[in-house]
Amino acid sequence: MRRKSRIPPSPLPQRDGVDPVRIRLPEGGGWATVREHLVERLAPPAEVIDGMIADGLIVGADGRPVAVDTAYAPGTFVWFHREPPDEERVPFALDVVYRDEHIVVADKPHFLATTPRGSHVTETALARLRRDLGIPALGAAHRLDRLTAGLLLFTVRPEERGAYQSLFGDRLVRKEYEAIAPYSPGLALPSTVRSRIVKERGVMAAREVEGEPNAVSLVELSDRREALGRYRLTPGTGQTHQLRVHMNALGVPILGDPLYPVVTGPVPAGDFRRPLQLLARRLEFTDPVTGHEHRFVSGRVLEAWDSYDTWASPDLLAETAQ
């Protein structure tokens, strides 16, 4: 059995808090040069790849630029930085609520993605924190949807990341969310919702199907104000869009949701009107490295509860974001 190639350290530094792209050259394929493989594998046209090679932007493990005639060597690696997309800055603060030598806990605003992906690269919580805190090795232990605000856990040391990620995989983290949704006098709460949720690649909305439940959520009404309810949501599992799907199934979809009950999204970049009224309010866990009991609470306020007219008015919200 062929031993898996050891991944050498990146010869390129991060750029704006974003790691360079790393590509392993696979076995087979019949490519004579690295350039031939990259032209076949990558999305940009050949002239873009040639331009990057000419400018010395694609490098090998030794940091030397790949030349147009560099021979193909299976199992080796090359690195380069993608040109970041034009991104609309998310005009809301990303607050650090706790930091030690092992972890960083941040309070994410609505509309800011957790980690670089797709059209959201430098305008992400991870990239911002790496830049602002000067911690290039910072990594995310879990994620929140771009439209969801609230608490996020990041790890400082790469060798410890797996221990913190396992807390979430093993359901050893108590997460509590807050949501604003219509008040339904006929809805009996508290209620534990159990269903099977599937999320198909390329389809924006998740859906409930028949079968063994894989999603469990405790839904409680913590307050009400006329036609609005303030709900406390405690997920027992972590399926994609789980809380949004379950609130919709109860007949009280979360305010500002572009997918449930009707798909109207995705929310375009730069559109900061009517943020989804869902907040990761609390995060509690026993630190797997230090043994310390952590309890964090978001300081954010959901706009529809604090000032429904401001949240509901696009003009007022646009003025707030400026």
Protein backbone atom coordinates (compact mmCIF):
# COMPACT_ATOMS: atom_id res chain seq x y z
CA MET A 1 0.00 0.00 0.00
CA ARG A 2 1.36 3.40 -0.99
CA ARG A 3 1.90 5.65 2.03
CA LYS A 4 -0.02 8.90 1.95
CA SER A 5 2.19 11.90 1.23
CA ARG A 6 3.00 14.08 4.21
CA ILE A 7 1.63 17.57 3.74
CA PRO A 8 4.49 20.08 4.03
CA PRO A 9 3.90 23.51 5.57
CA SER A 10 2.62 26.20 3.25
CA PRO A 11 5.40 28.26 1.66
CA LEU A 12 2.96 31.16 1.23
CA PRO A 13 1.66 33.34 4.05
CA GLN A 14 -2.02 34.09 4.53
CA ARG A 15 -3.48 37.02 2.66
CA ASP A 16 -6.07 39.13 4.49
CA GLY A 17 -6.56 36.27 6.93
CA VAL A 18 -7.21 33.73 4.16
CA ASP A 19 -5.07 30.63 3.59
CA PRO A 20 -3.59 29.95 0.16
CA VAL A 21 -5.10 27.18 -1.94
CA ARG A 22 -3.19 23.88 -1.70
CA ILE A 23 -3.39 21.31 -4.50
CA ARG A 24 -1.96 17.80 -4.38
CA LEU A 25 -0.87 16.44 -7.74
CA PRO A 26 -2.59 13.03 -8.08
CA GLU A 27 -1.29 9.78 -9.50
CA GLY A 28 -1.93 8.98 -13.14
CA GLY A 29 -3.49 11.25 -15.71
CA GLY A 30 -0.58 11.45 -18.10
CA TRP A 31 0.24 15.13 -17.53
CA ALA A 32 3.76 16.08 -18.59
CA THR A 33 3.84 19.38 -16.69
CA VAL A 34 2.22 20.95 -13.65
CA ARG A 35 0.78 23.58 -15.95
CA GLU A 36 -1.10 20.94 -18.01
CA HIS A 37 -2.72 19.52 -14.88
CA LEU A 38 -3.75 22.92 -13.49
CA VAL A 39 -5.29 23.98 -16.80
CA GLU A 40 -7.38 20.79 -16.85
CA ARG A 41 -8.29 20.85 -13.16
CA LEU A 42 -8.98 24.49 -12.33
CA ALA A 43 -11.92 26.65 -13.40
CA PRO A 44 -10.00 29.67 -14.74
CA PRO A 45 -9.15 29.50 -18.46
CA ALA A 46 -5.66 28.55 -19.63
CA GLU A 47 -4.59 32.16 -20.17
CA VAL A 48 -5.30 32.95 -16.50
CA ILE A 49 -3.23 29.97 -15.33
CA ASP A 50 -0.45 31.00 -17.70
CA GLY A 51 -0.56 34.53 -16.33
CA MET A 52 -0.27 33.29 -12.75
CA ILE A 53 2.69 31.10 -13.70
CA ALA A 54 4.37 33.97 -15.55
CA ASP A 55 3.93 36.20 -12.49
CA GLY A 56 5.39 33.55 -10.14
CA LEU A 57 2.15 33.22 -8.20
CA ILE A 58 2.05 29.39 -8.13
CA VAL A 59 4.77 27.83 -5.99
CA GLY A 60 5.99 24.45 -4.87
CA ALA A 61 6.82 23.23 -1.36
CA ASP A 62 10.22 24.91 -1.52
CA GLY A 63 8.62 28.27 -2.25
CA ARG A 64 10.02 28.41 -5.77
CA PRO A 65 7.65 29.51 -8.53
CA VAL A 66 6.31 26.82 -10.84
CA ALA A 67 7.53 27.37 -14.39
CA VAL A 68 5.53 26.69 -17.52
CA ASP A 69 7.69 23.60 -18.15
CA THR A 70 7.96 22.32 -14.54
CA ALA A 71 7.67 18.53 -14.74
CA TYR A 72 4.64 16.86 -13.22
CA ALA A 73 5.52 14.94 -10.02
CA PRO A 74 2.66 12.85 -8.55
CA GLY A 75 2.11 13.25 -4.82
CA THR A 76 3.69 16.68 -4.56
CA PHE A 77 1.90 19.93 -3.75
CA VAL A 78 1.56 23.42 -5.17
CA TRP A 79 0.11 26.54 -3.56
CA PHE A 80 -1.37 29.80 -4.79
CA HIS A 81 -3.75 32.53 -3.71
CA ARG A 82 -7.06 32.90 -5.51
CA GLU A 83 -8.03 36.41 -6.43
CA PRO A 84 -10.71 37.25 -3.86
CA PRO A 85 -14.15 38.18 -5.17
CA ASP A 86 -15.40 41.72 -4.88
CA GLU A 87 -17.07 41.64 -1.49
CA GLU A 88 -19.47 44.04 0.15
CA ARG A 89 -18.21 44.85 3.63
CA VAL A 90 -20.57 43.71 6.38
CA PRO A 91 -20.94 46.96 8.35
CA PHE A 92 -21.42 45.39 11.77
CA ALA A 93 -18.90 44.68 14.51
CA LEU A 94 -17.55 41.23 15.31
CA ASP A 95 -17.10 41.28 19.09
CA VAL A 96 -14.60 39.14 20.98
CA VAL A 97 -16.18 38.07 24.27
CA TYR A 98 -13.38 35.79 25.50
CA ARG A 99 -9.80 34.95 24.63
CA ASP A 100 -7.10 32.81 26.20
CA GLU A 101 -4.14 30.80 24.89
CA HIS A 102 -6.43 28.01 23.66
CA ILE A 103 -9.69 29.54 22.40
CA VAL A 104 -11.39 32.69 21.17
CA VAL A 105 -15.15 33.19 21.53
CA ALA A 106 -16.71 35.81 19.25
CA ASP A 107 -20.19 37.28 18.99
CA LYS A 108 -20.95 37.26 15.25
CA PRO A 109 -23.30 39.75 13.61
CA HIS A 110 -25.94 38.81 11.07
CA PHE A 111 -24.78 38.57 7.43
CA LEU A 112 -21.17 37.64 8.25
CA ALA A 113 -20.18 34.13 7.14
CA THR A 114 -18.20 32.00 9.59
CA THR A 115 -15.42 30.76 7.29
CA PRO A 116 -14.26 31.52 3.73
CA ARG A 117 -16.41 29.82 1.14
CA GLY A 118 -17.76 30.70 -2.28
CA SER A 119 -18.30 34.44 -2.67
CA HIS A 120 -17.59 35.15 1.01
CA VAL A 121 -13.85 35.07 1.63
CA THR A 122 -12.24 38.03 3.36
CA GLU A 123 -15.58 39.19 4.80
CA THR A 124 -15.90 36.23 7.15
CA ALA A 125 -15.58 35.89 10.90
CA LEU A 126 -12.49 33.70 10.65
CA ALA A 127 -10.61 36.01 8.28
CA ARG A 128 -11.51 39.10 10.30
CA LEU A 129 -10.34 37.56 13.57
CA ARG A 130 -7.09 36.31 12.07
CA ARG A 131 -6.34 39.83 10.86
CA ASP A 132 -7.57 41.72 13.91
CA LEU A 133 -6.07 39.44 16.55
CA GLY A 134 -2.92 38.52 14.67
CA ILE A 135 -3.51 34.76 15.03
CA PRO A 136 -2.86 33.19 11.60
CA ALA A 137 -3.45 29.65 12.93
CA LEU A 138 -6.92 30.47 14.28
CA GLY A 139 -9.54 27.92 13.21
CA ALA A 140 -13.29 27.49 13.61
CA ALA A 141 -14.50 24.73 15.93
CA HIS A 142 -18.05 24.93 14.48
CA ARG A 143 -20.14 27.18 12.24
CA LEU A 144 -23.22 29.37 12.16
CA ASP A 145 -25.21 30.22 9.04
CA ARG A 146 -24.29 33.57 7.51
CA LEU A 147 -27.74 34.94 8.38
CA THR A 148 -27.62 33.76 12.02
CA ALA A 149 -25.96 35.93 14.67
CA GLY A 150 -24.36 34.89 17.93
CA LEU A 151 -21.60 32.98 19.64
CA LEU A 152 -18.84 31.16 17.79
CA LEU A 153 -15.93 29.15 19.19
CA PHE A 154 -12.49 29.34 17.55
CA THR A 155 -9.30 27.49 18.44
CA VAL A 156 -5.86 29.08 18.70
CA ARG A 157 -3.64 26.01 18.33
CA PRO A 158 -4.16 23.69 15.33
CA GLU A 159 -3.09 20.64 17.34
CA GLU A 160 -5.96 21.26 19.79
CA ARG A 161 -8.68 21.92 17.21
CA GLY A 162 -9.84 18.32 17.03
CA ALA A 163 -10.50 18.20 20.77
CA TYR A 164 -12.82 21.21 20.60
CA GLN A 165 -14.53 20.08 17.41
CA SER A 166 -15.23 16.74 19.06
CA LEU A 167 -17.25 18.53 21.73
CA PHE A 168 -19.78 19.48 19.07
CA GLY A 169 -19.69 16.11 17.32
CA ASP A 170 -20.23 14.32 20.62
CA ARG A 171 -23.00 16.76 21.68
CA LEU A 172 -21.08 17.89 24.76
CA VAL A 173 -21.82 21.58 24.13
CA ARG A 174 -25.02 23.12 25.42
CA LYS A 175 -26.26 25.60 22.83
CA GLU A 176 -29.23 27.84 23.37
CA TYR A 177 -30.73 30.06 20.70
CA GLU A 178 -33.23 32.89 20.72
CA ALA A 179 -35.71 33.58 17.94
CA ILE A 180 -38.46 36.09 17.22
CA ALA A 181 -41.48 34.67 15.42
CA PRO A 182 -45.26 35.12 15.35
CA TYR A 183 -47.11 34.31 18.55
CA SER A 184 -49.61 31.48 18.17
CA PRO A 185 -52.06 31.15 21.08
CA GLY A 186 -53.01 27.65 19.97
CA LEU A 187 -49.45 26.34 20.04
CA ALA A 188 -48.76 24.24 23.14
CA LEU A 189 -45.29 24.98 24.47
CA PRO A 190 -42.81 23.85 25.60
CA SER A 191 -42.58 21.25 22.86
CA THR A 192 -39.84 18.87 21.77
CA VAL A 193 -39.87 18.60 17.99
CA ARG A 194 -38.43 15.44 16.43
CA SER A 195 -38.20 14.83 12.69
CA ARG A 196 -35.96 13.64 9.91
CA ILE A 197 -34.38 16.52 8.00
CA VAL A 198 -32.49 16.21 4.71
CA LYS A 199 -30.51 18.92 2.95
CA GLU A 200 -29.64 18.18 -0.66
CA ARG A 201 -26.60 19.68 -2.35
CA GLY A 202 -27.60 22.54 -4.62
CA VAL A 203 -31.01 23.00 -2.96
CA MET A 204 -31.22 26.03 -0.69
CA ALA A 205 -33.91 24.79 1.70
CA ALA A 206 -33.80 21.67 3.84
CA ARG A 207 -36.95 19.56 4.19
CA GLU A 208 -38.56 17.08 6.53
CA VAL A 209 -39.09 13.53 5.29
CA GLU A 210 -40.47 10.30 6.65
CA GLY A 211 -38.09 8.12 8.61
CA GLU A 212 -36.11 7.85 11.83
CA PRO A 213 -35.71 11.31 13.39
CA ASN A 214 -32.25 12.82 13.09
CA ALA A 215 -33.17 16.28 14.41
CA VAL A 216 -34.43 17.18 17.89
CA SER A 217 -35.26 20.68 19.14
CA LEU A 218 -36.80 21.94 22.39
CA VAL A 219 -38.97 25.00 21.72
CA GLU A 220 -40.11 27.25 24.59
CA LEU A 221 -41.92 30.57 24.70
CA SER A 222 -39.96 32.92 26.94
CA ASP A 223 -42.00 36.10 26.34
CA ARG A 224 -44.69 37.57 24.13
CA ARG A 225 -45.55 41.05 22.95
CA GLU A 226 -48.85 41.42 21.11
CA ALA A 227 -48.51 39.31 17.93
CA LEU A 228 -44.83 38.48 18.50
CA GLY A 229 -43.27 35.68 20.48
CA ARG A 230 -39.77 35.46 21.88
CA TYR A 231 -38.67 31.83 21.77
CA ARG A 232 -35.90 29.89 23.47
CA LEU A 233 -34.62 27.09 21.25
CA THR A 234 -32.38 24.29 22.48
CA PRO A 235 -31.14 21.95 19.73
CA GLY A 236 -30.37 18.39 20.70
CA THR A 237 -28.80 17.71 17.30
CA GLY A 238 -27.10 19.80 14.64
CA GLN A 239 -28.79 19.31 11.28
CA THR A 240 -28.54 22.09 8.69
CA HIS A 241 -31.26 24.73 9.23
CA GLN A 242 -32.74 22.54 11.96
CA LEU A 243 -34.21 25.30 14.13
CA ARG A 244 -35.57 27.18 11.14
CA VAL A 245 -37.22 24.03 9.77
CA HIS A 246 -38.74 23.09 13.13
CA MET A 247 -40.10 26.57 13.84
CA ASN A 248 -41.69 26.59 10.40
CA ALA A 249 -43.17 23.14 11.03
CA LEU A 250 -44.81 24.48 14.21
CA GLY A 251 -46.47 27.23 12.17
CA VAL A 252 -44.32 30.05 13.58
CA PRO A 253 -41.52 30.65 11.03
CA ILE A 254 -38.71 32.86 12.26
CA LEU A 255 -39.02 36.48 11.13
CA GLY A 256 -36.77 37.42 8.23
CA ASP A 257 -36.25 33.85 7.03
CA PRO A 258 -35.75 33.87 3.23
CA LEU A 259 -36.23 30.08 2.94
CA TYR A 260 -39.03 29.04 5.27
CA PRO A 261 -41.92 28.80 4.59
CA VAL A 262 -41.29 30.25 1.10
CA VAL A 263 -37.94 30.34 -0.69
CA THR A 264 -37.28 33.97 -1.62
CA GLY A 265 -33.47 33.94 -1.19
CA PRO A 266 -30.59 33.78 -1.20
CA VAL A 267 -30.16 37.16 0.44
CA PRO A 268 -27.89 39.17 -1.88
CA ALA A 269 -24.56 40.41 -0.57
CA GLY A 270 -24.97 44.00 0.55
CA ASP A 271 -28.65 43.61 1.43
CA PHE A 272 -28.74 44.11 5.19
CA ARG A 273 -32.49 44.65 5.51
CA ARG A 274 -34.59 42.58 7.87
CA PRO A 275 -31.94 40.23 9.32
CA LEU A 276 -33.06 36.74 10.25
CA GLN A 277 -34.27 36.94 13.84
CA LEU A 278 -32.22 34.02 15.10
CA LEU A 279 -29.41 34.36 17.63
CA ALA A 280 -27.01 31.82 19.17
CA ARG A 281 -27.51 33.20 22.67
CA ARG A 282 -25.63 30.80 24.98
CA LEU A 283 -22.67 28.44 24.69
CA GLU A 284 -21.64 26.19 27.58
CA PHE A 285 -19.03 23.41 27.71
CA THR A 286 -16.22 21.89 29.72
CA ASP A 287 -12.90 22.85 28.16
CA PRO A 288 -11.29 19.60 26.92
CA VAL A 289 -7.79 21.03 27.38
CA THR A 290 -7.98 23.01 30.64
CA GLY A 291 -11.02 21.39 32.29
CA HIS A 292 -12.52 24.85 32.87
CA GLU A 293 -16.32 25.22 32.82
CA HIS A 294 -17.15 27.86 30.20
CA ARG A 295 -20.45 29.75 30.02
CA PHE A 296 -20.83 32.50 27.44
CA VAL A 297 -23.83 34.73 26.69
CA SER A 298 -24.28 36.88 23.59
CA GLY A 299 -24.79 40.58 24.20
CA ARG A 300 -26.75 41.08 21.00
CA VAL A 301 -30.41 42.08 20.83
CA LEU A 302 -32.73 40.86 18.09
CA GLU A 303 -34.03 43.96 16.32
CA ALA A 304 -37.60 42.78 15.79
CA TRP A 305 -38.05 42.40 19.54
CA ASP A 306 -36.23 45.56 20.55
CA SER A 307 -37.79 47.74 17.84
CA TYR A 308 -40.06 45.97 15.38
CA ASP A 309 -40.71 49.12 13.30
CA THR A 310 -36.98 49.61 12.74
CA TRP A 311 -36.51 45.99 11.73
CA ALA A 312 -39.56 46.00 9.45
CA SER A 313 -38.65 49.24 7.66
CA PRO A 314 -35.96 48.84 4.98
CA ASP A 315 -35.25 52.59 5.02
CA LEU A 316 -34.73 52.74 8.78
CA LEU A 317 -32.53 49.65 8.78
CA ALA A 318 -30.43 50.97 5.90
CA GLU A 319 -29.80 54.18 7.86
CA THR A 320 -28.77 52.09 10.89
CA ALA A 321 -26.20 50.15 8.86
CA GLN A 322 -24.53 53.27 7.45
